[in-house]
Amino acid sequence: MPPEKARWEFTCAADGTWTWRFGEGTSGPFQSLDSATANATSHGFDPFTQHWTATADGRTTHYRPGRTPANLPAGKDPKQ
């Protein structure tokens, strides 16, 4: 089985700010998911062709290109 492609990870902190991570890159905090994704886009993020997750309030939304986003309990492996 080929290795899973790297995915963008967007995370909401307890204070409501959002950050993104991709590979070795990470962002500073943003006031909204919109701001975080806009900044990630300027760093190469394409939400329509790349894998991404967004985690907030104990839930994770996982998107794989060409599939419907899946909502998972926090901590569950999105590869399943």
N, C-alpha and C. Protein backbone atom coordinates (compact mmCIF):
# COMPACT_ATOMS: atom_id res chain seq x y z
N MET A 1 0.85 -1.19 0.00
CA MET A 1 0.00 0.00 0.00
C MET A 1 0.89 1.25 0.00
N PRO A 2 0.63 2.23 -0.89
CA PRO A 2 1.46 3.43 -0.91
C PRO A 2 1.26 4.25 0.37
N PRO A 3 2.28 4.99 0.79
CA PRO A 3 2.13 5.80 2.00
C PRO A 3 1.08 6.89 1.82
N GLU A 4 0.43 7.25 2.91
CA GLU A 4 -0.58 8.33 2.92
C GLU A 4 0.12 9.64 2.57
N LYS A 5 -0.48 10.42 1.71
CA LYS A 5 0.06 11.74 1.39
C LYS A 5 -0.05 12.63 2.63
N ALA A 6 0.88 13.57 2.74
CA ALA A 6 0.81 14.52 3.84
C ALA A 6 -0.50 15.29 3.76
N ARG A 7 -1.02 15.67 4.90
CA ARG A 7 -2.27 16.43 4.91
C ARG A 7 -2.09 17.69 5.76
N TRP A 8 -2.89 18.67 5.43
CA TRP A 8 -2.94 19.90 6.20
C TRP A 8 -3.80 19.64 7.42
N GLU A 9 -3.38 20.16 8.58
CA GLU A 9 -4.13 20.01 9.82
C GLU A 9 -4.43 21.39 10.38
N PHE A 10 -5.72 21.66 10.56
CA PHE A 10 -6.17 22.91 11.15
C PHE A 10 -6.72 22.57 12.53
N THR A 11 -6.29 23.32 13.55
CA THR A 11 -6.67 23.00 14.92
C THR A 11 -7.13 24.26 15.63
N CYS A 12 -8.26 24.12 16.34
CA CYS A 12 -8.78 25.22 17.15
C CYS A 12 -8.32 25.02 18.59
N ALA A 13 -7.65 26.02 19.14
CA ALA A 13 -7.17 25.98 20.53
C ALA A 13 -8.31 26.32 21.50
N ALA A 14 -8.06 26.10 22.78
CA ALA A 14 -9.06 26.38 23.81
C ALA A 14 -9.50 27.84 23.81
N ASP A 15 -8.60 28.74 23.38
CA ASP A 15 -8.95 30.17 23.36
C ASP A 15 -9.69 30.58 22.09
N GLY A 16 -9.99 29.61 21.21
CA GLY A 16 -10.75 29.90 20.00
C GLY A 16 -9.91 30.28 18.80
N THR A 17 -8.60 30.35 18.95
CA THR A 17 -7.74 30.67 17.81
C THR A 17 -7.42 29.40 17.02
N TRP A 18 -7.11 29.59 15.75
CA TRP A 18 -6.82 28.48 14.84
C TRP A 18 -5.38 28.54 14.38
N THR A 19 -4.78 27.36 14.17
CA THR A 19 -3.46 27.25 13.58
C THR A 19 -3.50 26.18 12.50
N TRP A 20 -2.53 26.20 11.60
CA TRP A 20 -2.41 25.13 10.62
C TRP A 20 -1.03 24.52 10.72
N ARG A 21 -0.94 23.26 10.27
CA ARG A 21 0.33 22.55 10.23
C ARG A 21 0.36 21.72 8.95
N PHE A 22 1.50 21.72 8.30
CA PHE A 22 1.70 20.89 7.11
C PHE A 22 3.16 20.49 7.07
N GLY A 23 3.43 19.20 7.13
CA GLY A 23 4.81 18.75 7.17
C GLY A 23 5.52 19.39 8.34
N GLU A 24 6.61 20.07 8.06
CA GLU A 24 7.39 20.75 9.11
C GLU A 24 6.90 22.17 9.37
N GLY A 25 5.99 22.68 8.52
CA GLY A 25 5.54 24.06 8.66
C GLY A 25 4.36 24.21 9.60
N THR A 26 4.37 25.26 10.39
CA THR A 26 3.25 25.58 11.27
C THR A 26 2.99 27.08 11.21
N SER A 27 1.78 27.45 11.57
CA SER A 27 1.42 28.87 11.56
C SER A 27 1.31 29.40 12.97
N GLY A 28 1.24 30.71 13.06
CA GLY A 28 0.88 31.35 14.31
C GLY A 28 -0.63 31.30 14.45
N PRO A 29 -1.18 31.84 15.52
CA PRO A 29 -2.62 31.78 15.72
C PRO A 29 -3.38 32.78 14.84
N PHE A 30 -4.58 32.37 14.45
CA PHE A 30 -5.51 33.21 13.68
C PHE A 30 -6.84 33.26 14.42
N GLN A 31 -7.58 34.33 14.23
CA GLN A 31 -8.84 34.52 14.95
C GLN A 31 -9.98 33.66 14.42
N SER A 32 -9.82 33.09 13.21
CA SER A 32 -10.89 32.27 12.65
C SER A 32 -10.30 31.20 11.74
N LEU A 33 -11.10 30.17 11.47
CA LEU A 33 -10.69 29.15 10.51
C LEU A 33 -10.53 29.77 9.13
N ASP A 34 -11.40 30.71 8.78
CA ASP A 34 -11.27 31.40 7.49
C ASP A 34 -9.91 32.06 7.34
N SER A 35 -9.47 32.75 8.38
CA SER A 35 -8.17 33.42 8.32
C SER A 35 -7.03 32.41 8.22
N ALA A 36 -7.14 31.32 8.97
CA ALA A 36 -6.09 30.30 8.94
C ALA A 36 -6.02 29.65 7.56
N THR A 37 -7.17 29.33 6.96
CA THR A 37 -7.14 28.69 5.65
C THR A 37 -6.67 29.66 4.57
N ALA A 38 -7.04 30.93 4.69
CA ALA A 38 -6.56 31.92 3.72
C ALA A 38 -5.04 32.02 3.78
N ASN A 39 -4.48 32.02 4.99
CA ASN A 39 -3.04 32.07 5.13
C ASN A 39 -2.40 30.79 4.60
N ALA A 40 -3.00 29.64 4.90
CA ALA A 40 -2.46 28.37 4.40
C ALA A 40 -2.46 28.35 2.88
N THR A 41 -3.49 28.93 2.27
CA THR A 41 -3.56 29.00 0.81
C THR A 41 -2.36 29.76 0.25
N SER A 42 -1.95 30.80 0.94
CA SER A 42 -0.78 31.55 0.48
C SER A 42 0.51 30.76 0.66
N HIS A 43 0.43 29.64 1.39
CA HIS A 43 1.58 28.75 1.59
C HIS A 43 1.43 27.44 0.82
N GLY A 44 0.48 27.40 -0.13
CA GLY A 44 0.36 26.24 -1.01
C GLY A 44 -0.83 25.33 -0.76
N PHE A 45 -1.68 25.65 0.21
CA PHE A 45 -2.85 24.82 0.51
C PHE A 45 -3.90 24.94 -0.59
N ASP A 46 -4.39 23.80 -1.07
CA ASP A 46 -5.51 23.76 -2.01
C ASP A 46 -6.56 22.81 -1.44
N PRO A 47 -7.64 23.34 -0.87
CA PRO A 47 -8.62 22.49 -0.18
C PRO A 47 -9.36 21.51 -1.09
N PHE A 48 -9.28 21.71 -2.40
CA PHE A 48 -10.00 20.83 -3.32
C PHE A 48 -9.15 19.66 -3.81
N THR A 49 -7.83 19.75 -3.68
CA THR A 49 -6.97 18.68 -4.19
C THR A 49 -6.08 18.03 -3.14
N GLN A 50 -6.08 18.56 -1.92
CA GLN A 50 -5.22 18.04 -0.88
C GLN A 50 -6.03 17.49 0.30
N HIS A 51 -5.43 16.56 1.01
CA HIS A 51 -6.05 16.03 2.23
C HIS A 51 -5.96 17.11 3.31
N TRP A 52 -7.02 17.25 4.14
CA TRP A 52 -6.96 18.18 5.25
C TRP A 52 -7.88 17.70 6.38
N THR A 53 -7.56 18.15 7.58
CA THR A 53 -8.42 17.91 8.73
C THR A 53 -8.60 19.23 9.46
N ALA A 54 -9.75 19.36 10.11
CA ALA A 54 -10.02 20.51 10.98
C ALA A 54 -10.57 19.96 12.28
N THR A 55 -9.92 20.31 13.40
CA THR A 55 -10.30 19.79 14.71
C THR A 55 -10.71 20.93 15.62
N ALA A 56 -11.91 20.81 16.20
CA ALA A 56 -12.43 21.81 17.14
C ALA A 56 -13.45 21.13 18.04
N ASP A 57 -13.48 21.53 19.30
CA ASP A 57 -14.48 21.05 20.25
C ASP A 57 -14.60 19.53 20.29
N GLY A 58 -13.48 18.85 20.23
CA GLY A 58 -13.50 17.40 20.34
C GLY A 58 -13.96 16.64 19.11
N ARG A 59 -14.10 17.31 17.99
CA ARG A 59 -14.52 16.67 16.73
C ARG A 59 -13.51 17.01 15.64
N THR A 60 -13.35 16.08 14.71
CA THR A 60 -12.46 16.29 13.58
C THR A 60 -13.23 16.08 12.29
N THR A 61 -13.11 17.01 11.37
CA THR A 61 -13.62 16.84 10.02
C THR A 61 -12.44 16.49 9.14
N HIS A 62 -12.56 15.40 8.40
CA HIS A 62 -11.49 14.96 7.52
C HIS A 62 -11.98 15.00 6.09
N TYR A 63 -11.18 15.60 5.23
CA TYR A 63 -11.52 15.69 3.81
C TYR A 63 -10.45 14.99 2.99
N ARG A 64 -10.89 14.10 2.13
CA ARG A 64 -10.02 13.48 1.13
C ARG A 64 -10.55 13.92 -0.23
N PRO A 65 -9.68 14.32 -1.13
CA PRO A 65 -10.15 14.78 -2.45
C PRO A 65 -11.08 13.75 -3.11
N GLY A 66 -12.19 14.25 -3.63
CA GLY A 66 -13.14 13.40 -4.32
C GLY A 66 -14.11 12.66 -3.42
N ARG A 67 -14.03 12.88 -2.12
CA ARG A 67 -14.93 12.20 -1.18
C ARG A 67 -15.68 13.23 -0.35
N THR A 68 -16.77 12.80 0.24
CA THR A 68 -17.53 13.67 1.14
C THR A 68 -16.74 13.81 2.45
N PRO A 69 -16.65 15.02 3.02
CA PRO A 69 -15.96 15.17 4.31
C PRO A 69 -16.60 14.27 5.37
N ALA A 70 -15.77 13.72 6.23
CA ALA A 70 -16.24 12.84 7.30
C ALA A 70 -15.99 13.50 8.65
N ASN A 71 -16.98 13.46 9.53
CA ASN A 71 -16.83 13.97 10.89
C ASN A 71 -16.50 12.81 11.82
N LEU A 72 -15.42 12.95 12.56
CA LEU A 72 -14.93 11.87 13.43
C LEU A 72 -14.75 12.39 14.85
N PRO A 73 -14.88 11.52 15.85
CA PRO A 73 -14.55 11.92 17.22
C PRO A 73 -13.07 12.30 17.27
N ALA A 74 -12.72 13.26 18.09
CA ALA A 74 -11.32 13.68 18.21
C ALA A 74 -10.48 12.47 18.61
N GLY A 75 -9.32 12.38 18.01
CA GLY A 75 -8.39 11.31 18.33
C GLY A 75 -8.55 10.08 17.47
N LYS A 76 -9.65 9.95 16.72
CA LYS A 76 -9.83 8.80 15.85
C LYS A 76 -8.98 8.98 14.60
N ASP A 77 -8.38 7.91 14.13
CA ASP A 77 -7.50 7.97 12.97
C ASP A 77 -8.32 8.21 11.71
N PRO A 78 -8.11 9.33 11.00
CA PRO A 78 -8.90 9.63 9.81
C PRO A 78 -8.61 8.70 8.63
N LYS A 79 -7.57 7.87 8.71
CA LYS A 79 -7.25 6.94 7.63
C LYS A 79 -8.20 5.76 7.60
N GLN A 80 -8.95 5.56 8.68
CA GLN A 80 -9.85 4.40 8.75
C GLN A 80 -11.12 4.65 8.01
